[in-house]
């Protein structure tokens, strides 16, 4: 199945980012079942078609050297998708769906394992290995991480531990970037 992401607003300028998501063969059967259910519940090719009350949070990662935007991240969270994941995987994880891209005429190295999430003094980061189950790509031909070009966004899912409370703000860190967001 394919899904297209579109329409990211930067100030008053609209930048159209379109990317196909082809579901990859995940590392384990439970993850594969979750991805299939996620795609069955996505009715059209737009991220906004995710079921329930999907919250999409944009983050703009700026270069510390020039102050220019290096990365844009769209983070989607939905309570219904979380409920489905918890049932299928028999755990208390919270899936966050990421679409990460760079600006025109830029090539950037994106390292999702450098993302960290903090709430109530507890900090957590995903592990970038095949067995962790905390981080995986949605496209079998494009990794979630590595060299990003202007024409090829990366999409993936990060599984937050269940101790995160989605009703309260979460601090998201990436390298020197830091932002407190309500992802619900």
Protein backbone atom coordinates (compact mmCIF):
# COMPACT_ATOMS: atom_id res chain seq x y z
CA UNK A 1 0.00 0.00 0.00
CA UNK A 2 1.16 3.50 -0.60
CA UNK A 3 0.58 6.63 1.37
CA UNK A 4 1.51 10.18 0.37
CA UNK A 5 2.43 12.92 2.77
CA UNK A 6 1.80 16.48 1.64
CA UNK A 7 1.68 20.15 2.61
CA UNK A 8 4.15 21.46 5.14
CA UNK A 9 3.85 25.14 6.04
CA UNK A 10 7.01 27.18 6.66
CA UNK A 11 6.00 30.68 7.64
CA UNK A 12 3.82 31.90 4.78
CA UNK A 13 5.53 29.65 2.23
CA UNK A 14 4.01 26.30 1.38
CA UNK A 15 6.48 23.56 0.57
CA UNK A 16 4.93 20.45 -0.92
CA UNK A 17 6.61 17.26 0.25
CA UNK A 18 5.35 14.10 -1.43
CA UNK A 19 6.67 10.66 -0.62
CA UNK A 20 5.42 7.14 -1.12
CA UNK A 21 5.47 4.79 1.80
CA UNK A 22 5.83 1.17 0.85
CA UNK A 23 5.51 -1.10 3.85
CA UNK A 24 8.67 -3.08 4.42
CA UNK A 25 9.01 -6.57 5.77
CA UNK A 26 9.37 -5.74 9.46
CA UNK A 27 11.73 -7.52 11.83
CA UNK A 28 9.08 -9.62 13.56
CA UNK A 29 5.57 -10.91 12.96
CA UNK A 30 3.87 -8.68 15.55
CA UNK A 31 5.34 -5.56 13.98
CA UNK A 32 4.25 -6.80 10.55
CA UNK A 33 0.69 -7.31 11.80
CA UNK A 34 0.65 -3.80 13.28
CA UNK A 35 1.85 -2.23 10.00
CA UNK A 36 -0.81 -4.14 8.02
CA UNK A 37 -3.56 -2.95 10.35
CA UNK A 38 -2.19 0.62 10.20
CA UNK A 39 -2.35 0.56 6.41
CA UNK A 40 -5.83 -1.03 6.35
CA UNK A 41 -7.07 1.83 8.55
CA UNK A 42 -5.61 4.49 6.26
CA UNK A 43 -8.39 5.09 3.75
CA UNK A 44 -6.71 7.37 1.21
CA UNK A 45 -3.26 8.51 0.25
CA UNK A 46 -3.18 11.44 2.68
CA UNK A 47 -1.70 11.35 6.19
CA UNK A 48 -4.80 13.21 7.36
CA UNK A 49 -6.84 10.09 6.54
CA UNK A 50 -5.44 8.27 9.55
CA UNK A 51 -8.32 7.16 11.76
CA UNK A 52 -9.53 8.87 14.88
CA UNK A 53 -8.13 12.15 16.08
CA UNK A 54 -4.68 12.02 14.55
CA UNK A 55 -2.41 14.76 15.85
CA UNK A 56 0.34 15.85 13.43
CA UNK A 57 3.13 17.90 14.98
CA UNK A 58 5.69 19.68 12.76
CA UNK A 59 9.24 20.27 14.03
CA UNK A 60 11.84 22.41 12.26
CA UNK A 61 15.42 21.47 13.14
CA UNK A 62 17.74 24.43 12.65
CA UNK A 63 21.47 24.35 12.02
CA UNK A 64 23.45 25.64 14.97
CA UNK A 65 25.96 27.21 12.60
CA UNK A 66 23.74 29.22 10.26
CA UNK A 67 20.35 29.14 11.96
CA UNK A 68 18.82 27.73 8.75
CA UNK A 69 16.33 24.88 8.75
CA UNK A 70 18.13 21.58 8.14
CA UNK A 71 15.36 19.07 8.79
CA UNK A 72 11.61 19.09 8.94
CA UNK A 73 9.86 16.38 10.91
CA UNK A 74 6.18 15.54 10.86
CA UNK A 75 5.20 13.41 13.85
CA UNK A 76 1.79 11.72 13.83
CA UNK A 77 0.12 10.24 16.90
CA UNK A 78 -3.33 8.68 17.10
CA UNK A 79 -5.00 7.04 20.12
CA UNK A 80 -6.78 4.46 17.97
CA UNK A 81 -3.54 3.37 16.29
CA UNK A 82 -1.92 3.15 19.74
CA UNK A 83 -4.79 0.95 20.95
CA UNK A 84 -4.42 -1.34 17.93
CA UNK A 85 -0.66 -1.60 18.46
CA UNK A 86 -1.12 -2.44 22.15
CA UNK A 87 -3.60 -5.20 21.32
CA UNK A 88 -1.53 -6.73 18.54
CA UNK A 89 1.82 -6.51 20.30
CA UNK A 90 0.48 -7.18 23.81
CA UNK A 91 2.52 -4.35 25.25
CA UNK A 92 2.10 -0.73 26.33
CA UNK A 93 4.10 0.89 23.50
CA UNK A 94 3.02 4.14 21.85
CA UNK A 95 3.72 4.35 18.09
CA UNK A 96 4.76 7.68 16.60
CA UNK A 97 4.84 7.89 12.81
CA UNK A 98 7.63 10.11 11.44
CA UNK A 99 8.18 11.73 8.05
CA UNK A 100 11.57 13.46 7.93
CA UNK A 101 12.84 15.60 5.06
CA UNK A 102 15.40 18.25 4.30
CA UNK A 103 15.14 21.57 2.52
CA UNK A 104 15.74 22.11 -1.21
CA UNK A 105 19.37 21.88 -2.34
CA UNK A 106 20.47 20.21 0.91
CA UNK A 107 21.83 16.79 1.79
CA UNK A 108 21.76 15.98 5.50
CA UNK A 109 22.69 12.93 7.56
CA UNK A 110 19.67 11.99 9.72
CA UNK A 111 20.31 9.73 12.72
CA UNK A 112 17.00 8.72 14.38
CA UNK A 113 18.85 7.06 17.27
CA UNK A 114 19.95 10.58 18.30
CA UNK A 115 16.33 11.50 18.99
CA UNK A 116 15.44 11.46 22.66
CA UNK A 117 12.15 11.88 24.43
CA UNK A 118 11.81 13.16 27.99
CA UNK A 119 8.91 13.49 30.41
CA UNK A 120 8.78 13.86 34.20
CA UNK A 121 12.56 13.56 34.49
CA UNK A 122 12.71 10.24 32.60
CA UNK A 123 14.58 10.17 29.29
CA UNK A 124 14.39 7.56 26.50
CA UNK A 125 15.96 7.09 23.05
CA UNK A 126 15.21 4.53 20.34
CA UNK A 127 17.78 1.86 19.55
CA UNK A 128 18.85 1.52 15.92
CA UNK A 129 19.21 -2.22 15.54
CA UNK A 130 17.10 -4.89 13.91
CA UNK A 131 16.05 -6.56 17.16
CA UNK A 132 15.08 -3.58 19.31
CA UNK A 133 11.56 -3.15 17.95
CA UNK A 134 11.71 0.55 18.89
CA UNK A 135 12.62 2.00 15.50
CA UNK A 136 11.85 0.79 12.00
CA UNK A 137 11.39 2.18 8.47
CA UNK A 138 8.14 2.07 6.53
CA UNK A 139 9.79 1.72 3.13
CA UNK A 140 11.72 -1.40 2.22
CA UNK A 141 13.90 0.57 -0.21
CA UNK A 142 14.62 3.61 1.95
CA UNK A 143 16.06 3.33 5.44
CA UNK A 144 14.75 5.43 8.29
CA UNK A 145 17.98 7.32 8.82
CA UNK A 146 21.14 8.02 6.88
CA UNK A 147 21.63 10.46 4.03
CA UNK A 148 18.55 12.57 3.32
CA UNK A 149 18.24 14.44 0.05
CA UNK A 150 15.68 17.04 -0.96
CA UNK A 151 13.89 14.52 -3.16
CA UNK A 152 13.69 11.58 -0.74
CA UNK A 153 12.07 11.96 2.68
CA UNK A 154 12.46 9.12 5.18
CA UNK A 155 9.48 7.61 6.99
CA UNK A 156 9.47 5.39 10.02
CA UNK A 157 7.83 4.43 13.27
CA UNK A 158 9.30 4.96 16.70
CA UNK A 159 7.70 2.96 19.52
CA UNK A 160 7.73 5.00 22.73
CA UNK A 161 7.62 3.11 26.03
CA UNK A 162 4.18 2.97 27.63
CA UNK A 163 5.22 5.10 30.63
CA UNK A 164 4.92 8.23 28.47
CA UNK A 165 1.68 10.11 29.15
CA UNK A 166 0.41 11.46 25.83
CA UNK A 167 -1.90 13.87 27.67
CA UNK A 168 1.14 15.82 28.90
CA UNK A 169 3.94 17.57 27.00
CA UNK A 170 7.00 15.58 25.94
CA UNK A 171 10.41 17.12 25.38
CA UNK A 172 11.89 16.03 22.05
CA UNK A 173 15.65 16.40 21.51
CA UNK A 174 17.71 15.92 18.38
CA UNK A 175 21.38 16.87 18.62
CA UNK A 176 21.27 20.46 19.96
CA UNK A 177 17.57 20.95 19.06
CA UNK A 178 15.08 20.85 21.92
CA UNK A 179 11.30 21.35 21.85
CA UNK A 180 8.52 20.62 24.31
CA UNK A 181 5.40 19.44 22.48
CA UNK A 182 1.98 18.05 23.20
CA UNK A 183 1.75 15.20 20.69
CA UNK A 184 -1.92 14.54 21.33
